[in-house]
């Protein structure tokens, strides 16, 4: 049996986020202990959708994974990037999350809306970014439902070779938000 190679071309749109990090003019301060390599930070990919478990995974990543110099890469898979309504709703979500990421953990954020199947999109973006981790939530299905219907987190767990996949379980009804 021959494996099919996926198209290298795919549709995506970069989300223009507000610049939240103040720009310092003039010469940067000289710090002997701080080197560029040490302050580089990590890239962390967070899979986002409009559901509460996705927000819970985002909150978890901010609290447990992010450090000051890190960059969060928010990725949202959609059926069509040309749909203006879907793009505007996703852009609004990404802007709110970027603002929250800066306020809570003071991390830089980039956002991308990609067309395609969610599992494939997340794995492809992980290959492109080469993050320290891929963080995603679960939909809260039972084991039998996940096996029968498939699961995005399960697909990424098995197929994402670029980085470790952190699957954050959904919060139970009545649990407080992490933030």
C-alpha atoms as a PDB file:
ATOM      1  CA  UNK A   1       0.000   0.000   0.000  1.00  0.00           C
ATOM      2  CA  UNK A   2       1.355   3.382  -0.976  1.00  0.00           C
ATOM      3  CA  UNK A   3       1.018   6.377   1.339  1.00  0.00           C
ATOM      4  CA  UNK A   4      -0.482   9.514  -0.075  1.00  0.00           C
ATOM      5  CA  UNK A   5       1.537  12.678   0.320  1.00  0.00           C
ATOM      6  CA  UNK A   6      -0.448  15.720   1.464  1.00  0.00           C
ATOM      7  CA  UNK A   7      -0.399  18.972  -0.435  1.00  0.00           C
ATOM      8  CA  UNK A   8       2.230  21.361   0.810  1.00  0.00           C
ATOM      9  CA  UNK A   9      -0.077  24.219  -0.188  1.00  0.00           C
ATOM     10  CA  UNK A  10      -2.901  25.102   2.144  1.00  0.00           C
ATOM     11  CA  UNK A  11      -5.043  28.143   2.860  1.00  0.00           C
ATOM     12  CA  UNK A  12      -4.497  30.226   5.957  1.00  0.00           C
ATOM     13  CA  UNK A  13      -4.831  33.794   7.167  1.00  0.00           C
ATOM     14  CA  UNK A  14      -2.616  35.525   9.683  1.00  0.00           C
ATOM     15  CA  UNK A  15      -4.593  37.367  12.363  1.00  0.00           C
ATOM     16  CA  UNK A  16      -3.425  40.927  12.978  1.00  0.00           C
ATOM     17  CA  UNK A  17      -3.216  41.270  16.757  1.00  0.00           C
ATOM     18  CA  UNK A  18      -2.727  44.533  18.623  1.00  0.00           C
ATOM     19  CA  UNK A  19       0.874  45.209  19.625  1.00  0.00           C
ATOM     20  CA  UNK A  20       0.758  44.857  23.395  1.00  0.00           C
ATOM     21  CA  UNK A  21       4.475  44.966  24.110  1.00  0.00           C
ATOM     22  CA  UNK A  22       5.760  48.524  24.578  1.00  0.00           C
ATOM     23  CA  UNK A  23       8.525  49.571  22.211  1.00  0.00           C
ATOM     24  CA  UNK A  24      11.631  50.908  23.957  1.00  0.00           C
ATOM     25  CA  UNK A  25      13.434  53.603  22.025  1.00  0.00           C
ATOM     26  CA  UNK A  26      17.129  54.241  22.278  1.00  0.00           C
ATOM     27  CA  UNK A  27      19.889  51.893  23.297  1.00  0.00           C
ATOM     28  CA  UNK A  28      18.864  48.650  25.000  1.00  0.00           C
ATOM     29  CA  UNK A  29      20.093  48.414  28.587  1.00  0.00           C
ATOM     30  CA  UNK A  30      23.362  46.564  29.108  1.00  0.00           C
ATOM     31  CA  UNK A  31      22.875  43.567  31.345  1.00  0.00           C
ATOM     32  CA  UNK A  32      25.923  41.404  31.852  1.00  0.00           C
ATOM     33  CA  UNK A  33      24.078  38.306  33.036  1.00  0.00           C
ATOM     34  CA  UNK A  34      21.366  38.323  30.394  1.00  0.00           C
ATOM     35  CA  UNK A  35      22.365  37.001  27.009  1.00  0.00           C
ATOM     36  CA  UNK A  36      20.276  36.767  23.874  1.00  0.00           C
ATOM     37  CA  UNK A  37      20.329  32.967  23.960  1.00  0.00           C
ATOM     38  CA  UNK A  38      19.071  32.819  27.511  1.00  0.00           C
ATOM     39  CA  UNK A  39      16.223  35.270  26.909  1.00  0.00           C
ATOM     40  CA  UNK A  40      15.069  33.726  23.639  1.00  0.00           C
ATOM     41  CA  UNK A  41      12.072  31.916  25.052  1.00  0.00           C
ATOM     42  CA  UNK A  42      10.103  29.018  23.670  1.00  0.00           C
ATOM     43  CA  UNK A  43       7.345  28.663  21.113  1.00  0.00           C
ATOM     44  CA  UNK A  44       4.152  27.062  22.425  1.00  0.00           C
ATOM     45  CA  UNK A  45       1.328  26.144  20.063  1.00  0.00           C
ATOM     46  CA  UNK A  46      -2.200  26.239  21.493  1.00  0.00           C
ATOM     47  CA  UNK A  47      -5.098  24.810  19.464  1.00  0.00           C
ATOM     48  CA  UNK A  48      -8.104  27.113  19.827  1.00  0.00           C
ATOM     49  CA  UNK A  49     -11.786  26.862  19.008  1.00  0.00           C
ATOM     50  CA  UNK A  50     -14.862  28.559  20.426  1.00  0.00           C
ATOM     51  CA  UNK A  51     -15.555  25.869  23.048  1.00  0.00           C
ATOM     52  CA  UNK A  52     -15.040  26.028  26.825  1.00  0.00           C
ATOM     53  CA  UNK A  53     -12.545  23.144  26.877  1.00  0.00           C
ATOM     54  CA  UNK A  54     -10.312  25.012  24.448  1.00  0.00           C
ATOM     55  CA  UNK A  55     -10.377  28.041  26.747  1.00  0.00           C
ATOM     56  CA  UNK A  56      -9.605  25.768  29.696  1.00  0.00           C
ATOM     57  CA  UNK A  57      -6.543  24.388  27.847  1.00  0.00           C
ATOM     58  CA  UNK A  58      -5.443  27.950  27.006  1.00  0.00           C
ATOM     59  CA  UNK A  59      -5.740  28.931  30.687  1.00  0.00           C
ATOM     60  CA  UNK A  60      -3.792  25.830  31.690  1.00  0.00           C
ATOM     61  CA  UNK A  61      -0.988  26.688  29.253  1.00  0.00           C
ATOM     62  CA  UNK A  62      -0.757  30.248  30.625  1.00  0.00           C
ATOM     63  CA  UNK A  63      -0.562  29.124  34.228  1.00  0.00           C
ATOM     64  CA  UNK A  64       1.517  25.954  34.008  1.00  0.00           C
ATOM     65  CA  UNK A  65       3.647  26.255  30.892  1.00  0.00           C
ATOM     66  CA  UNK A  66       4.347  29.848  29.849  1.00  0.00           C
ATOM     67  CA  UNK A  67       7.357  31.879  30.933  1.00  0.00           C
ATOM     68  CA  UNK A  68       8.119  35.532  30.365  1.00  0.00           C
ATOM     69  CA  UNK A  69      10.046  35.312  27.070  1.00  0.00           C
ATOM     70  CA  UNK A  70       7.806  32.660  25.450  1.00  0.00           C
ATOM     71  CA  UNK A  71       5.605  33.129  22.394  1.00  0.00           C
ATOM     72  CA  UNK A  72       2.129  31.597  22.217  1.00  0.00           C
ATOM     73  CA  UNK A  73       1.031  30.574  18.732  1.00  0.00           C
ATOM     74  CA  UNK A  74      -2.765  30.331  18.602  1.00  0.00           C
ATOM     75  CA  UNK A  75      -4.083  28.112  15.795  1.00  0.00           C
ATOM     76  CA  UNK A  76      -7.743  27.818  14.839  1.00  0.00           C
ATOM     77  CA  UNK A  77      -8.905  25.381  12.134  1.00  0.00           C
ATOM     78  CA  UNK A  78     -11.916  26.407  10.044  1.00  0.00           C
ATOM     79  CA  UNK A  79     -13.721  24.957   7.049  1.00  0.00           C
ATOM     80  CA  UNK A  80     -13.162  28.080   4.933  1.00  0.00           C
ATOM     81  CA  UNK A  81     -10.845  31.035   5.508  1.00  0.00           C
ATOM     82  CA  UNK A  82     -12.778  33.000   2.894  1.00  0.00           C
ATOM     83  CA  UNK A  83     -15.913  33.172   5.051  1.00  0.00           C
ATOM     84  CA  UNK A  84     -15.893  36.726   6.443  1.00  0.00           C
ATOM     85  CA  UNK A  85     -18.206  35.997   9.386  1.00  0.00           C
ATOM     86  CA  UNK A  86     -16.143  33.011  10.555  1.00  0.00           C
ATOM     87  CA  UNK A  87     -12.926  35.012  10.176  1.00  0.00           C
ATOM     88  CA  UNK A  88     -14.252  38.005  12.142  1.00  0.00           C
ATOM     89  CA  UNK A  89     -15.547  35.791  14.982  1.00  0.00           C
ATOM     90  CA  UNK A  90     -12.235  33.930  15.129  1.00  0.00           C
ATOM     91  CA  UNK A  91     -10.255  37.165  14.986  1.00  0.00           C
ATOM     92  CA  UNK A  92     -12.218  38.570  17.930  1.00  0.00           C
ATOM     93  CA  UNK A  93     -11.554  35.410  19.927  1.00  0.00           C
ATOM     94  CA  UNK A  94      -7.841  35.520  19.119  1.00  0.00           C
ATOM     95  CA  UNK A  95      -7.585  39.206  20.110  1.00  0.00           C
ATOM     96  CA  UNK A  96      -9.233  38.530  23.490  1.00  0.00           C
ATOM     97  CA  UNK A  97      -6.930  35.584  24.150  1.00  0.00           C
ATOM     98  CA  UNK A  98      -3.826  37.564  23.116  1.00  0.00           C
ATOM     99  CA  UNK A  99      -4.773  40.363  25.512  1.00  0.00           C
ATOM    100  CA  UNK A 100      -5.370  37.849  28.317  1.00  0.00           C
ATOM    101  CA  UNK A 101      -2.038  36.123  27.607  1.00  0.00           C
ATOM    102  CA  UNK A 102      -0.207  39.415  27.900  1.00  0.00           C
ATOM    103  CA  UNK A 103      -2.039  40.465  31.071  1.00  0.00           C
ATOM    104  CA  UNK A 104      -1.624  37.121  32.851  1.00  0.00           C
ATOM    105  CA  UNK A 105       1.783  35.834  31.731  1.00  0.00           C
ATOM    106  CA  UNK A 106       3.275  38.768  29.763  1.00  0.00           C
ATOM    107  CA  UNK A 107       3.898  36.551  26.737  1.00  0.00           C
ATOM    108  CA  UNK A 108       3.915  37.517  23.080  1.00  0.00           C
ATOM    109  CA  UNK A 109       1.144  35.993  20.943  1.00  0.00           C
ATOM    110  CA  UNK A 110       0.705  35.224  17.261  1.00  0.00           C
ATOM    111  CA  UNK A 111      -2.486  33.876  15.717  1.00  0.00           C
ATOM    112  CA  UNK A 112      -3.318  32.007  12.551  1.00  0.00           C
ATOM    113  CA  UNK A 113      -6.612  30.762  11.125  1.00  0.00           C
ATOM    114  CA  UNK A 114      -6.039  27.737   8.902  1.00  0.00           C
ATOM    115  CA  UNK A 115      -8.419  25.999   6.533  1.00  0.00           C
ATOM    116  CA  UNK A 116      -8.773  22.228   6.858  1.00  0.00           C
ATOM    117  CA  UNK A 117      -9.398  19.310   9.175  1.00  0.00           C
ATOM    118  CA  UNK A 118      -8.436  20.325  12.705  1.00  0.00           C
ATOM    119  CA  UNK A 119      -6.103  17.416  13.462  1.00  0.00           C
ATOM    120  CA  UNK A 120      -4.186  17.771  10.215  1.00  0.00           C
ATOM    121  CA  UNK A 121      -3.999  21.558  10.573  1.00  0.00           C
ATOM    122  CA  UNK A 122      -2.565  21.362  14.087  1.00  0.00           C
ATOM    123  CA  UNK A 123       0.054  18.772  13.099  1.00  0.00           C
ATOM    124  CA  UNK A 124       1.028  20.798  10.003  1.00  0.00           C
ATOM    125  CA  UNK A 125       1.377  23.997  12.035  1.00  0.00           C
ATOM    126  CA  UNK A 126       3.455  22.143  14.634  1.00  0.00           C
ATOM    127  CA  UNK A 127       5.790  21.018  11.830  1.00  0.00           C
ATOM    128  CA  UNK A 128       6.072  24.622  10.639  1.00  0.00           C
ATOM    129  CA  UNK A 129       6.636  26.233  14.060  1.00  0.00           C
ATOM    130  CA  UNK A 130       8.590  23.441  15.822  1.00  0.00           C
ATOM    131  CA  UNK A 131       7.162  24.396  19.248  1.00  0.00           C
ATOM    132  CA  UNK A 132       8.284  23.193  22.658  1.00  0.00           C
ATOM    133  CA  UNK A 133       4.751  21.798  23.152  1.00  0.00           C
ATOM    134  CA  UNK A 134       1.343  21.575  21.490  1.00  0.00           C
ATOM    135  CA  UNK A 135      -1.451  22.249  23.998  1.00  0.00           C
ATOM    136  CA  UNK A 136      -5.053  21.326  23.284  1.00  0.00           C
ATOM    137  CA  UNK A 137      -8.256  20.520  25.106  1.00  0.00           C
ATOM    138  CA  UNK A 138     -10.609  17.592  24.764  1.00  0.00           C
ATOM    139  CA  UNK A 139     -14.200  17.657  23.693  1.00  0.00           C
ATOM    140  CA  UNK A 140     -15.337  15.599  26.660  1.00  0.00           C
ATOM    141  CA  UNK A 141     -16.432  12.515  24.732  1.00  0.00           C
ATOM    142  CA  UNK A 142     -16.387   9.067  26.280  1.00  0.00           C
ATOM    143  CA  UNK A 143     -13.767   6.527  25.252  1.00  0.00           C
ATOM    144  CA  UNK A 144     -16.237   4.671  23.054  1.00  0.00           C
ATOM    145  CA  UNK A 145     -17.377   7.858  21.287  1.00  0.00           C
ATOM    146  CA  UNK A 146     -13.762   8.894  20.669  1.00  0.00           C
ATOM    147  CA  UNK A 147     -12.912   5.514  19.163  1.00  0.00           C
ATOM    148  CA  UNK A 148     -16.013   5.395  16.956  1.00  0.00           C
ATOM    149  CA  UNK A 149     -16.139   9.031  15.839  1.00  0.00           C
ATOM    150  CA  UNK A 150     -12.477   9.944  16.082  1.00  0.00           C
ATOM    151  CA  UNK A 151     -10.927  12.698  18.114  1.00  0.00           C
ATOM    152  CA  UNK A 152      -8.779  15.674  17.147  1.00  0.00           C
ATOM    153  CA  UNK A 153      -6.650  15.321  20.279  1.00  0.00           C
ATOM    154  CA  UNK A 154      -6.188  11.593  19.619  1.00  0.00           C
ATOM    155  CA  UNK A 155      -5.187  12.302  16.008  1.00  0.00           C
ATOM    156  CA  UNK A 156      -2.618  14.867  17.147  1.00  0.00           C
ATOM    157  CA  UNK A 157      -1.330  12.582  19.880  1.00  0.00           C
ATOM    158  CA  UNK A 158      -0.569   9.877  17.314  1.00  0.00           C
ATOM    159  CA  UNK A 159       0.499  11.962  14.313  1.00  0.00           C
ATOM    160  CA  UNK A 160       2.232  15.092  15.652  1.00  0.00           C
ATOM    161  CA  UNK A 161       5.944  14.303  15.506  1.00  0.00           C
ATOM    162  CA  UNK A 162       7.310  17.861  15.823  1.00  0.00           C
ATOM    163  CA  UNK A 163       6.574  18.368  19.524  1.00  0.00           C
ATOM    164  CA  UNK A 164       5.059  16.733  22.583  1.00  0.00           C
ATOM    165  CA  UNK A 165       1.275  17.029  22.717  1.00  0.00           C
ATOM    166  CA  UNK A 166      -0.270  18.107  26.014  1.00  0.00           C
ATOM    167  CA  UNK A 167      -3.945  17.166  26.183  1.00  0.00           C
ATOM    168  CA  UNK A 168      -5.706  19.104  28.933  1.00  0.00           C
ATOM    169  CA  UNK A 169      -8.822  17.291  30.161  1.00  0.00           C
ATOM    170  CA  UNK A 170     -12.033  19.290  30.075  1.00  0.00           C
ATOM    171  CA  UNK A 171     -13.136  20.892  33.265  1.00  0.00           C
ATOM    172  CA  UNK A 172     -16.056  19.275  34.990  1.00  0.00           C
ATOM    173  CA  UNK A 173     -19.358  21.115  35.237  1.00  0.00           C
ATOM    174  CA  UNK A 174     -19.177  23.447  38.191  1.00  0.00           C
ATOM    175  CA  UNK A 175     -15.377  23.728  38.270  1.00  0.00           C
ATOM    176  CA  UNK A 176     -13.997  27.206  38.567  1.00  0.00           C
ATOM    177  CA  UNK A 177     -11.896  28.594  35.751  1.00  0.00           C
ATOM    178  CA  UNK A 178      -8.176  28.498  36.346  1.00  0.00           C
ATOM    179  CA  UNK A 179      -7.918  32.262  36.033  1.00  0.00           C
END
